[in-house]
Amino acid sequence: MKTNIKNLKKISSVVMITILSISFALAQPSGGKQQGPPQPPSDKQIEKMIKELDKELDLTDEQHTAVSELYFEHIDNMEALMKSSQRPSREKMESLESTLEKEVKATLTKDQQKLYTAWLKKQEKQRPQGGQRPQGGQRPSR
C-alpha cells in the first residue's frame, strides 16, 4: 500500500511539473516575435519605397534626391532615438513621422502632395497588424 502511495505521489509530481513546464512554454512569445517598437527598414527597403514613390508621384531628379535624403535622415533619427532610451514614446515617434511628412510635402508640388497623402494612406492600410513591419535585416553603416 505504501508503494502505491509513493508511486502515486511520484506520478502526480511528474504530471504537475509537466503542466507547469507547458504553461511556461506557452507563456513565452511564439515564433520569436519582436517585442517593442518595430525595426527600422533596411536601406534596400527604403530605396524600394522611394522608387515606388517616384513612380507614383513622378518625381524630378532633384525631388528624388531630396526625398531620399529626408527618408534616410528620418531612419537615422529613429535609430538614434531607439538607442538613446529604453523605449521611445509613441508621441515622439509620431512627431518624427509628422515632421518627415511635412518635409517631404515641402519638396512636392500641390498635385504631388495630394498623391503623397493618398500613397501614405495606402501604405498604412497595407501595414501588418500591430504596426509591425516585415523584417528586412539590419541596415549597414553608411
Protein backbone atom coordinates (compact mmCIF):
# COMPACT_ATOMS: atom_id res chain seq x y z
CA MET A 1 0.00 0.00 0.00
CA LYS A 2 2.86 2.38 0.86
CA THR A 3 4.45 1.62 -2.50
CA ASN A 4 1.24 2.58 -4.32
CA ILE A 5 1.07 5.88 -2.42
CA LYS A 6 4.75 6.63 -3.19
CA ASN A 7 4.20 5.80 -6.86
CA LEU A 8 1.07 7.93 -6.92
CA LYS A 9 2.99 10.87 -5.40
CA LYS A 10 5.77 10.46 -7.96
CA ILE A 11 3.32 10.32 -10.83
CA SER A 12 1.40 13.37 -9.61
CA SER A 13 4.68 15.27 -9.15
CA VAL A 14 5.73 14.43 -12.70
CA VAL A 15 2.31 15.49 -14.02
CA MET A 16 2.46 18.80 -12.11
CA ILE A 17 5.99 19.53 -13.37
CA THR A 18 4.89 18.72 -16.92
CA ILE A 19 1.85 21.01 -16.66
CA LEU A 20 3.96 23.84 -15.24
CA SER A 21 6.59 23.39 -17.96
CA ILE A 22 3.95 23.52 -20.68
CA SER A 23 2.38 26.60 -19.07
CA PHE A 24 5.72 28.43 -19.02
CA ALA A 25 6.48 27.41 -22.59
CA LEU A 26 3.12 28.70 -23.82
CA ALA A 27 3.57 31.96 -21.92
CA GLN A 28 6.69 32.81 -23.95
CA PRO A 29 6.35 34.85 -27.14
CA SER A 30 5.83 32.47 -30.01
CA GLY A 31 7.82 32.37 -33.22
CA GLY A 32 10.48 34.76 -31.99
CA LYS A 33 8.14 37.73 -32.41
CA GLN A 34 9.75 41.03 -31.69
CA GLN A 35 8.96 42.89 -28.50
CA GLY A 36 8.91 46.68 -28.51
CA PRO A 37 9.00 49.06 -31.46
CA PRO A 38 9.44 47.70 -34.97
CA GLN A 39 12.88 47.58 -36.52
CA PRO A 40 13.65 50.42 -38.92
CA PRO A 41 13.57 49.42 -42.58
CA SER A 42 16.79 48.42 -44.28
CA ASP A 43 18.45 50.57 -46.95
CA LYS A 44 17.04 48.25 -49.63
CA GLN A 45 13.53 48.66 -48.26
CA ILE A 46 13.91 52.45 -48.19
CA GLU A 47 15.25 52.51 -51.76
CA LYS A 48 12.36 50.30 -52.91
CA MET A 49 9.86 52.60 -51.20
CA ILE A 50 11.41 55.69 -52.79
CA LYS A 51 11.30 54.05 -56.24
CA GLU A 52 7.62 53.33 -55.65
CA LEU A 53 7.07 56.94 -54.57
CA ASP A 54 8.96 58.15 -57.64
CA LYS A 55 6.67 56.07 -59.85
CA GLU A 56 3.50 57.27 -58.06
CA LEU A 57 4.46 60.95 -57.89
CA ASP A 58 6.63 61.29 -61.00
CA LEU A 59 9.42 62.98 -59.04
CA THR A 60 12.04 65.14 -60.72
CA ASP A 61 15.68 64.17 -60.18
CA GLU A 62 16.02 66.93 -57.58
CA GLN A 63 12.88 65.79 -55.76
CA HIS A 64 14.04 62.17 -55.85
CA THR A 65 17.35 63.15 -54.26
CA ALA A 66 15.69 65.37 -51.64
CA VAL A 67 13.08 62.75 -50.70
CA SER A 68 15.77 60.06 -50.45
CA GLU A 69 17.84 62.23 -48.13
CA LEU A 70 14.80 63.01 -45.97
CA TYR A 71 13.86 59.35 -45.58
CA PHE A 72 17.41 58.22 -44.78
CA GLU A 73 17.78 61.07 -42.28
CA HIS A 74 14.44 60.10 -40.73
CA ILE A 75 15.57 56.49 -40.26
CA ASP A 76 18.87 57.67 -38.74
CA ASN A 77 16.91 59.86 -36.29
CA MET A 78 14.65 56.93 -35.37
CA GLU A 79 17.63 54.65 -34.78
CA ALA A 80 19.35 57.27 -32.61
CA LEU A 81 16.18 57.73 -30.57
CA MET A 82 15.81 53.98 -30.05
CA LYS A 83 19.42 53.68 -28.93
CA SER A 84 19.22 56.65 -26.57
CA SER A 85 16.37 55.37 -24.41
CA GLN A 86 14.71 52.16 -23.37
CA ARG A 87 11.57 52.73 -25.36
CA PRO A 88 10.74 55.94 -27.22
CA SER A 89 7.31 57.35 -26.51
CA ARG A 90 4.59 56.97 -29.10
CA GLU A 91 4.29 60.76 -29.16
CA LYS A 92 7.97 61.20 -30.03
CA MET A 93 7.79 58.59 -32.80
CA GLU A 94 4.61 60.16 -34.21
CA SER A 95 6.28 63.58 -34.05
CA LEU A 96 9.21 62.28 -36.12
CA GLU A 97 6.78 60.77 -38.62
CA SER A 98 4.81 64.00 -38.88
CA THR A 99 7.98 66.04 -39.40
CA LEU A 100 9.06 63.71 -42.20
CA GLU A 101 5.70 64.04 -43.94
CA LYS A 102 5.81 67.85 -43.73
CA GLU A 103 9.38 67.99 -45.06
CA VAL A 104 8.59 65.62 -47.94
CA LYS A 105 5.46 67.59 -48.85
CA ALA A 106 7.53 70.79 -48.88
CA THR A 107 9.56 69.34 -51.77
CA LEU A 108 6.45 68.42 -53.78
CA THR A 109 4.01 70.29 -55.99
CA LYS A 110 0.38 70.69 -54.85
CA ASP A 111 -0.74 67.79 -57.06
CA GLN A 112 2.10 65.59 -55.84
CA GLN A 113 1.20 66.43 -52.22
CA LYS A 114 -2.30 65.05 -52.77
CA LEU A 115 -0.88 61.91 -54.36
CA TYR A 116 1.61 61.56 -51.49
CA THR A 117 -1.17 61.79 -48.89
CA ALA A 118 -3.12 59.10 -50.76
CA TRP A 119 0.03 56.95 -51.02
CA LEU A 120 0.63 57.26 -47.25
CA LYS A 121 -2.94 56.13 -46.55
CA LYS A 122 -2.49 53.16 -48.87
CA GLN A 123 0.78 52.24 -47.12
CA GLU A 124 -0.90 52.44 -43.71
CA LYS A 125 -3.63 50.01 -44.82
CA GLN A 126 -1.01 47.59 -46.15
CA ARG A 127 1.00 47.63 -42.91
CA PRO A 128 0.74 44.34 -40.96
CA GLN A 129 -1.43 44.28 -37.83
CA GLY A 130 0.05 45.75 -34.66
CA GLY A 131 2.14 48.22 -36.63
CA GLN A 132 4.86 45.62 -37.07
CA ARG A 133 6.80 45.96 -40.27
CA PRO A 134 8.31 42.98 -42.05
CA GLN A 135 11.87 42.31 -41.06
CA GLY A 136 14.43 43.22 -43.70
CA GLY A 137 17.65 42.84 -41.79
CA GLN A 138 19.86 45.45 -40.25
CA ARG A 139 20.93 48.46 -42.23
CA PRO A 140 24.63 48.57 -42.98
CA SER A 141 26.58 51.60 -41.81
CA ARG A 142 26.84 54.40 -44.32
